[in-house]
């Protein structure tokens, strides 16, 4: 009986020690670069360049609006915003935490959106954001969820 318990314990320790742990720092740096690349696309009005960093089932949660669900809906939203309001947007990640398994991460950051007001004059908004990224089976990171809130103009 003791021999069986000891053997089971040894197998369990061996299994635990063989589990892979991701290089979370390197994975976090990859995500930060992806966000900065997406930002360049957003600043230039490149819709496809923005949405290619999102999962097909992505969700964007914007204050006072229904969530935008799915890549097709994101494309339509960005297209309308860029065409009708001259939207230019950039993202700047501030911190990233990657799971030990290396397949999920969340990022705290800021974004700046420039849109034209009703008179056609550019107006700037700063947002705080939380994004959730997941790593696909192909090893690529994609943004699955983003939620943001506007930073008051006096900050």
Protein backbone atom coordinates (compact mmCIF):
# COMPACT_ATOMS: atom_id res chain seq x y z
CA UNK A 1 0.00 0.00 0.00
CA UNK A 2 2.76 2.45 0.96
CA UNK A 3 4.66 1.43 -2.16
CA UNK A 4 1.61 2.24 -4.37
CA UNK A 5 1.17 5.66 -2.71
CA UNK A 6 4.89 6.39 -3.06
CA UNK A 7 4.84 5.40 -6.72
CA UNK A 8 1.75 7.54 -7.37
CA UNK A 9 3.44 10.48 -5.63
CA UNK A 10 6.62 10.08 -7.71
CA UNK A 11 4.58 9.95 -10.93
CA UNK A 12 2.63 13.07 -9.89
CA UNK A 13 5.85 15.00 -9.11
CA UNK A 14 7.31 13.92 -12.45
CA UNK A 15 4.20 15.04 -14.29
CA UNK A 16 4.16 18.43 -12.59
CA UNK A 17 7.85 19.06 -13.21
CA UNK A 18 7.48 18.21 -16.93
CA UNK A 19 4.76 20.77 -17.58
CA UNK A 20 5.95 23.59 -19.78
CA UNK A 21 5.93 27.15 -18.53
CA UNK A 22 6.00 29.87 -21.13
CA UNK A 23 8.55 32.64 -21.28
CA UNK A 24 5.95 35.15 -20.14
CA UNK A 25 8.26 38.13 -20.58
CA UNK A 26 9.02 37.27 -24.21
CA UNK A 27 5.35 36.57 -24.92
CA UNK A 28 4.40 39.88 -23.31
CA UNK A 29 6.90 41.72 -25.50
CA UNK A 30 5.36 40.07 -28.60
CA UNK A 31 1.92 41.32 -27.58
CA UNK A 32 3.23 44.85 -26.92
CA UNK A 33 4.73 44.89 -30.43
CA UNK A 34 1.46 43.68 -31.97
CA UNK A 35 -0.43 46.47 -30.21
CA UNK A 36 2.04 49.07 -31.48
CA UNK A 37 1.76 47.65 -35.01
CA UNK A 38 -2.04 47.84 -34.75
CA UNK A 39 -1.65 51.41 -33.58
CA UNK A 40 0.26 52.36 -36.73
CA UNK A 41 -2.57 50.93 -38.81
CA UNK A 42 -5.16 52.84 -36.76
CA UNK A 43 -3.29 56.12 -37.11
CA UNK A 44 -3.17 55.72 -40.89
CA UNK A 45 -6.83 54.71 -41.23
CA UNK A 46 -5.99 51.16 -42.34
CA UNK A 47 -9.09 49.22 -41.28
CA UNK A 48 -7.80 45.80 -42.34
CA UNK A 49 -4.53 46.54 -40.53
CA UNK A 50 -6.49 47.22 -37.33
CA UNK A 51 -8.87 44.27 -37.36
CA UNK A 52 -6.31 41.64 -38.38
CA UNK A 53 -5.19 41.66 -34.73
CA UNK A 54 -8.66 40.55 -33.52
CA UNK A 55 -10.10 37.07 -33.18
CA UNK A 56 -13.04 36.17 -35.41
CA UNK A 57 -15.28 36.12 -32.32
CA UNK A 58 -13.83 39.29 -30.73
CA UNK A 59 -15.90 41.55 -28.51
CA UNK A 60 -15.42 45.31 -28.16
CA UNK A 61 -17.23 46.94 -25.26
CA UNK A 62 -17.67 50.69 -25.62
CA UNK A 63 -19.33 52.96 -23.04
CA UNK A 64 -23.03 53.65 -23.66
CA UNK A 65 -23.21 51.26 -26.62
CA UNK A 66 -24.06 47.63 -27.19
CA UNK A 67 -21.01 45.37 -27.47
CA UNK A 68 -19.59 44.97 -30.97
CA UNK A 69 -19.31 41.22 -31.57
CA UNK A 70 -17.26 39.53 -34.26
CA UNK A 71 -14.63 40.65 -36.75
CA UNK A 72 -17.20 41.53 -39.43
CA UNK A 73 -19.01 43.87 -37.04
CA UNK A 74 -15.68 45.41 -36.01
CA UNK A 75 -14.80 46.05 -39.66
CA UNK A 76 -18.18 47.73 -40.22
CA UNK A 77 -17.85 49.84 -37.07
CA UNK A 78 -14.32 51.02 -37.91
CA UNK A 79 -15.26 51.63 -41.56
CA UNK A 80 -18.24 53.80 -40.60
CA UNK A 81 -16.26 55.68 -37.94
CA UNK A 82 -13.34 56.32 -40.27
CA UNK A 83 -15.55 57.37 -43.20
CA UNK A 84 -18.13 59.42 -41.28
CA UNK A 85 -16.05 60.87 -38.46
CA UNK A 86 -12.50 60.67 -39.79
CA UNK A 87 -11.51 58.33 -36.95
CA UNK A 88 -7.80 57.93 -36.31
CA UNK A 89 -6.86 55.80 -33.32
CA UNK A 90 -3.72 54.63 -31.61
CA UNK A 91 -3.07 52.27 -28.74
CA UNK A 92 -0.25 52.35 -26.23
CA UNK A 93 0.16 49.36 -23.93
CA UNK A 94 1.25 50.13 -20.38
CA UNK A 95 1.50 46.67 -18.86
CA UNK A 96 0.92 43.08 -19.88
CA UNK A 97 0.42 39.95 -17.81
CA UNK A 98 0.77 36.60 -19.59
CA UNK A 99 -0.56 33.38 -18.06
CA UNK A 100 1.99 30.78 -16.96
CA UNK A 101 0.73 28.52 -19.74
CA UNK A 102 1.48 31.27 -22.26
CA UNK A 103 -1.86 31.13 -24.07
CA UNK A 104 -3.79 34.01 -22.47
CA UNK A 105 -2.83 37.53 -21.50
CA UNK A 106 -4.35 40.80 -20.46
CA UNK A 107 -3.06 44.27 -21.22
CA UNK A 108 -3.73 47.58 -19.51
CA UNK A 109 -3.21 50.54 -21.78
CA UNK A 110 -4.38 53.80 -23.20
CA UNK A 111 -5.66 54.82 -26.56
CA UNK A 112 -6.23 58.14 -28.22
CA UNK A 113 -9.05 58.54 -30.71
CA UNK A 114 -9.31 61.57 -32.95
CA UNK A 115 -12.73 62.06 -34.48
CA UNK A 116 -14.34 64.99 -36.21
CA UNK A 117 -17.05 66.79 -34.29
CA UNK A 118 -20.34 67.84 -35.91
CA UNK A 119 -18.63 70.91 -37.41
CA UNK A 120 -15.86 68.74 -38.91
CA UNK A 121 -13.17 69.83 -36.45
CA UNK A 122 -10.88 67.16 -35.02
CA UNK A 123 -11.57 66.30 -31.39
CA UNK A 124 -9.35 64.05 -29.30
CA UNK A 125 -10.41 61.54 -26.63
CA UNK A 126 -8.13 59.54 -24.36
CA UNK A 127 -9.28 56.11 -23.19
CA UNK A 128 -8.12 53.61 -20.61
CA UNK A 129 -8.44 50.04 -21.80
CA UNK A 130 -8.29 46.45 -20.74
CA UNK A 131 -7.68 43.94 -23.51
CA UNK A 132 -7.62 40.17 -23.36
CA UNK A 133 -5.39 38.36 -25.82
CA UNK A 134 -5.30 34.67 -26.62
CA UNK A 135 -2.74 32.64 -28.46
CA UNK A 136 -4.07 30.53 -31.30
CA UNK A 137 -3.01 27.01 -32.19
CA UNK A 138 -0.80 28.60 -34.87
CA UNK A 139 1.16 30.44 -32.14
CA UNK A 140 -0.17 33.88 -33.07
CA UNK A 141 -1.62 36.25 -30.50
CA UNK A 142 -4.99 37.89 -31.21
CA UNK A 143 -7.11 40.37 -29.28
CA UNK A 144 -10.27 38.60 -28.08
CA UNK A 145 -11.88 41.22 -25.83
CA UNK A 146 -11.43 44.95 -25.39
CA UNK A 147 -13.22 47.20 -22.97
CA UNK A 148 -12.48 50.86 -22.51
CA UNK A 149 -13.62 53.95 -20.76
CA UNK A 150 -12.97 57.59 -21.52
CA UNK A 151 -10.45 59.41 -19.34
CA UNK A 152 -11.88 62.72 -18.09
CA UNK A 153 -10.41 65.65 -20.01
CA UNK A 154 -8.91 67.19 -16.86
CA UNK A 155 -6.52 64.23 -16.41
